[in-house]
Amino acid sequence: MPKAPCRVACSPLRPRFRRIAAATTRTKEEFRISDPRTNERIRVPEVRLVGPNGEQVGIVRIEAALRLAQEADLDLVEVAPSSKPPVVKIMDYGKFKYEAAQKAKETRRNQANTVLKEVRFRLKIEAHDYITKLKRAEGFLQAGDKVKAMILFRGREQSRPEQGVRLLRKFAEDVAEFGTVESNPTIDGRNMVMVVAPHKNKSEVKTEQNAQRTANREAARSAARGDSAPTDEAAPASAE
């Protein structure tokens, strides 16, 4: 007896089902859970509407809010979904997402982790060695890194911790222009350590460096164009 034809494989409706499934997949990819609801996706009867320039319109029906957004050729975006009623704003959502992405990109570019740099001293350190290590520590702090100042005790030096405290306090005073003490001197085995934190973190330092580089480039371009500040006219000679 011949087998019955396959209804699923031969059904003319199967391509339509594939199109529906593909459309559903695209919809899920287009709207992420983290994205705010926009336009027809806002399904509440009333909303508190904010105009495109930040003006408070008040509580209106969702149909009216959508109509105002369409008339302005903009989008209706839910900015505070947990409010009662939800707060929505008329805006250019594409431009808003682009600017938010640019800000996030800039933040990631400027973001940097603070590194703990180490500077080691001996209790009887020579003056020129101390100055060398001090300059190195200042460079670390100016770059936005923390500095771990460590004194290495030898033999009987461990019985004179007060001298180590005095040396570290002097070091803290000498670098006070660039950082502040985050943790006071403490004994760590045969050593004494103190941590100094910078006044500016790495993100702030990087932002300032980028601004300075931009200013230098602008100055170089101006110099290449031959721009110069107007000079004062020579003062007339005084009559004798």
Protein backbone atom coordinates (compact mmCIF):
# COMPACT_ATOMS: atom_id res chain seq x y z
CA MET A 1 0.00 0.00 0.00
CA PRO A 2 1.55 3.38 -1.00
CA LYS A 3 2.44 5.80 1.78
CA ALA A 4 0.39 8.91 2.24
CA PRO A 5 2.10 12.07 0.94
CA CYS A 6 3.90 14.18 3.57
CA ARG A 7 1.47 16.95 4.46
CA VAL A 8 4.06 18.99 6.43
CA ALA A 9 6.79 18.96 3.82
CA CYS A 10 4.45 19.55 0.88
CA SER A 11 2.11 22.02 2.50
CA PRO A 12 1.96 25.40 0.66
CA LEU A 13 1.71 27.13 4.05
CA ARG A 14 5.23 26.13 5.18
CA PRO A 15 7.09 29.03 3.42
CA ARG A 16 4.71 31.47 5.10
CA PHE A 17 5.51 29.92 8.48
CA ARG A 18 9.23 30.40 7.76
CA ARG A 19 8.66 34.06 6.92
CA ILE A 20 6.72 34.58 10.16
CA ALA A 21 9.47 32.88 12.19
CA ALA A 22 12.12 35.00 10.49
CA ALA A 23 10.14 38.18 11.17
CA THR A 24 9.77 37.18 14.82
CA THR A 25 13.53 36.60 15.07
CA ARG A 26 14.26 40.00 13.54
CA THR A 27 11.88 41.66 15.97
CA LYS A 28 13.62 40.05 18.95
CA GLU A 29 17.01 41.17 17.63
CA GLU A 30 15.81 44.69 16.87
CA PHE A 31 14.44 45.39 20.33
CA ARG A 32 16.72 44.46 23.16
CA ILE A 33 15.43 44.14 26.71
CA SER A 34 17.64 47.04 27.83
CA ASP A 35 16.16 49.41 25.23
CA PRO A 36 13.34 51.71 26.34
CA ARG A 37 9.91 51.22 24.80
CA THR A 38 9.16 53.55 21.92
CA ASN A 39 6.08 54.63 19.94
CA GLU A 40 3.51 51.83 19.52
CA ARG A 41 5.43 49.59 21.94
CA ILE A 42 4.28 51.85 24.79
CA ARG A 43 1.04 50.13 25.80
CA VAL A 44 -0.45 52.11 28.68
CA PRO A 45 -3.62 54.22 28.63
CA GLU A 46 -2.05 57.41 30.00
CA VAL A 47 1.44 58.90 30.15
CA ARG A 48 3.13 61.98 31.58
CA LEU A 49 4.41 63.73 28.47
CA VAL A 50 7.59 65.79 28.13
CA GLY A 51 7.97 67.83 24.96
CA PRO A 52 10.99 67.83 22.62
CA ASN A 53 12.46 70.90 24.32
CA GLY A 54 11.95 69.55 27.85
CA GLU A 55 8.64 71.32 28.43
CA GLN A 56 6.17 69.58 30.76
CA VAL A 57 2.97 68.88 28.83
CA GLY A 58 1.29 66.90 31.62
CA ILE A 59 -0.74 63.69 31.77
CA VAL A 60 -2.31 62.84 28.41
CA ARG A 61 -3.79 59.82 26.68
CA ILE A 62 -1.23 57.67 24.88
CA GLU A 63 -3.04 58.28 21.57
CA ALA A 64 -2.58 62.03 21.98
CA ALA A 65 1.11 61.63 22.84
CA LEU A 66 1.69 59.47 19.79
CA ARG A 67 -0.11 61.98 17.58
CA LEU A 68 2.05 64.86 18.86
CA ALA A 69 5.21 62.84 18.24
CA GLN A 70 4.10 62.01 14.70
CA GLU A 71 3.23 65.64 13.97
CA ALA A 72 6.74 66.65 15.10
CA ASP A 73 8.24 63.83 12.97
CA LEU A 74 9.91 62.47 16.11
CA ASP A 75 9.65 59.42 18.38
CA LEU A 76 7.83 58.87 21.64
CA VAL A 77 10.27 57.31 24.12
CA GLU A 78 9.47 55.94 27.59
CA VAL A 79 12.09 57.46 29.91
CA ALA A 80 10.65 56.52 33.33
CA PRO A 81 8.60 53.32 33.05
CA SER A 82 8.23 52.82 36.82
CA SER A 83 6.47 56.16 37.37
CA LYS A 84 2.71 56.34 37.79
CA PRO A 85 1.85 57.08 35.01
CA PRO A 86 5.04 56.37 33.00
CA VAL A 87 7.00 59.39 31.79
CA VAL A 88 7.54 59.65 28.04
CA LYS A 89 9.43 62.19 25.97
CA ILE A 90 9.22 63.29 22.37
CA MET A 91 12.69 63.04 20.84
CA ASP A 92 14.77 61.83 17.90
CA TYR A 93 15.45 58.35 19.23
CA GLY A 94 18.01 57.49 16.56
CA LYS A 95 20.05 60.59 17.41
CA PHE A 96 19.65 59.87 21.13
CA LYS A 97 21.01 56.32 20.74
CA TYR A 98 23.92 57.54 18.62
CA GLU A 99 24.94 60.20 21.16
CA ALA A 100 24.62 57.71 24.01
CA ALA A 101 26.84 55.24 22.14
CA GLN A 102 29.43 57.96 21.48
CA LYS A 103 29.49 58.92 25.17
CA ALA A 104 29.91 55.28 26.19
CA LYS A 105 32.72 54.90 23.67
CA GLU A 106 34.48 58.00 24.99
CA THR A 107 34.09 56.77 28.55
CA ARG A 108 35.64 53.41 27.65
CA ARG A 109 38.45 55.19 25.86
CA ASN A 110 39.28 57.36 28.86
CA GLN A 111 38.70 54.67 31.44
CA ALA A 112 41.83 53.09 32.89
CA ASN A 113 42.53 51.08 35.99
CA THR A 114 44.69 52.65 38.67
CA VAL A 115 47.96 50.73 39.09
CA LEU A 116 49.78 50.34 42.42
CA LYS A 117 53.40 51.32 41.80
CA GLU A 118 56.11 50.49 44.32
CA VAL A 119 59.00 52.62 45.58
CA ARG A 120 61.49 51.02 47.99
CA PHE A 121 63.68 52.78 50.53
CA ARG A 122 66.39 51.77 52.94
CA LEU A 123 66.29 53.26 56.41
CA LYS A 124 69.74 54.84 55.87
CA ILE A 125 69.13 56.03 52.32
CA GLU A 126 71.49 58.55 50.73
CA ALA A 127 70.11 61.99 49.88
CA HIS A 128 70.58 61.64 46.10
CA ASP A 129 68.94 58.17 46.11
CA TYR A 130 66.00 59.61 48.03
CA ILE A 131 65.58 62.42 45.49
CA THR A 132 65.67 59.91 42.62
CA LYS A 133 62.97 57.75 44.18
CA LEU A 134 60.94 60.84 45.10
CA LYS A 135 60.92 62.02 41.46
CA ARG A 136 59.90 58.57 40.32
CA ALA A 137 57.01 58.52 42.78
CA GLU A 138 55.88 61.98 41.67
CA GLY A 139 55.79 60.75 38.08
CA PHE A 140 53.60 57.78 39.08
CA LEU A 141 51.18 60.04 40.97
CA GLN A 142 50.99 62.55 38.12
CA ALA A 143 50.06 59.68 35.81
CA GLY A 144 47.15 58.78 38.12
CA ASP A 145 48.71 55.71 39.77
CA LYS A 146 48.91 54.92 43.47
CA VAL A 147 52.32 54.61 45.10
CA LYS A 148 53.25 51.99 47.69
CA ALA A 149 56.23 53.34 49.63
CA MET A 150 58.13 50.53 51.33
CA ILE A 151 61.02 50.62 53.80
CA LEU A 152 63.18 47.49 53.91
CA PHE A 153 64.57 46.90 57.41
CA ARG A 154 67.89 45.16 57.92
CA GLY A 155 68.93 43.33 61.09
CA ARG A 156 68.60 45.52 64.14
CA GLU A 157 66.80 48.24 62.15
CA GLN A 158 63.58 46.38 62.94
CA SER A 159 63.88 47.58 66.54
CA ARG A 160 63.66 51.23 65.36
CA PRO A 161 60.28 51.45 63.58
CA GLU A 162 59.89 55.10 64.63
CA GLN A 163 62.69 56.03 62.20
CA GLY A 164 60.77 54.35 59.41
CA VAL A 165 57.64 56.28 60.33
CA ARG A 166 59.59 59.55 60.20
CA LEU A 167 61.01 58.72 56.77
CA LEU A 168 57.61 57.83 55.33
CA ARG A 169 56.00 60.94 56.80
CA LYS A 170 58.73 63.06 55.19
CA PHE A 171 58.04 61.28 51.90
CA ALA A 172 54.29 62.00 52.26
CA GLU A 173 55.02 65.70 52.83
CA ASP A 174 57.32 65.84 49.80
CA VAL A 175 54.69 64.35 47.46
CA ALA A 176 51.73 66.22 48.98
CA GLU A 177 51.42 68.32 45.80
CA PHE A 178 50.56 65.20 43.80
CA GLY A 179 48.90 62.81 46.27
CA THR A 180 47.57 62.15 49.74
CA VAL A 181 48.19 59.32 52.19
CA GLU A 182 45.59 56.59 51.72
CA SER A 183 46.95 54.18 54.34
CA ASN A 184 49.29 55.19 57.16
CA PRO A 185 52.64 53.42 57.77
CA THR A 186 52.15 49.84 58.94
CA ILE A 187 54.49 46.92 59.63
CA ASP A 188 54.36 44.17 57.01
CA GLY A 189 56.75 41.42 58.08
CA ARG A 190 60.28 42.85 57.90
CA ASN A 191 59.03 45.90 56.03
CA MET A 192 57.02 49.06 56.65
CA VAL A 193 54.59 50.21 53.97
CA MET A 194 52.46 53.28 53.24
CA VAL A 195 50.14 53.92 50.28
CA VAL A 196 49.74 57.33 48.64
CA ALA A 197 46.79 57.97 46.30
CA PRO A 198 46.95 60.53 43.46
CA HIS A 199 44.84 63.69 43.50
CA LYS A 200 43.59 62.87 39.98
CA ASN A 201 42.62 59.41 38.76
CA LYS A 202 43.84 58.00 35.45
CA SER A 203 40.62 58.89 33.65
CA GLU A 204 40.97 62.57 34.60
CA VAL A 205 44.65 62.57 33.68
CA LYS A 206 43.90 61.00 30.29
CA THR A 207 41.14 63.52 29.60
CA GLU A 208 43.50 66.41 30.38
CA GLN A 209 46.20 64.88 28.18
CA ASN A 210 43.76 64.53 25.27
CA ALA A 211 42.65 68.15 25.71
CA GLN A 212 46.28 69.30 25.79
CA ARG A 213 47.11 67.33 22.63
CA THR A 214 44.11 68.88 20.88
CA ALA A 215 45.22 72.37 21.93
CA ASN A 216 48.76 71.68 20.71
CA ARG A 217 47.48 70.50 17.33
CA GLU A 218 45.34 73.62 16.96
CA ALA A 219 48.33 75.80 17.85
CA ALA A 220 50.48 73.97 15.29
CA ARG A 221 47.84 74.45 12.59
CA SER A 222 47.58 78.15 13.41
CA ALA A 223 51.37 78.50 13.21
CA ALA A 224 51.41 76.67 9.86
CA ARG A 225 48.77 79.06 8.47
CA GLY A 226 50.90 81.99 9.57
CA ASP A 227 48.36 83.26 12.10
CA SER A 228 49.83 85.62 14.64
CA ALA A 229 48.47 87.80 17.37
CA PRO A 230 48.11 91.49 16.40
CA THR A 231 51.05 93.53 17.58
CA ASP A 232 50.68 96.90 19.26
CA GLU A 233 51.60 99.90 17.18
CA ALA A 234 54.83 101.55 18.15
CA ALA A 235 54.28 104.38 20.59
CA PRO A 236 55.18 107.80 19.22
CA ALA A 237 58.48 109.16 20.38
CA SER A 238 58.16 111.70 23.12
CA ALA A 239 59.09 115.22 22.24
CA GLU A 240 62.23 116.43 23.82
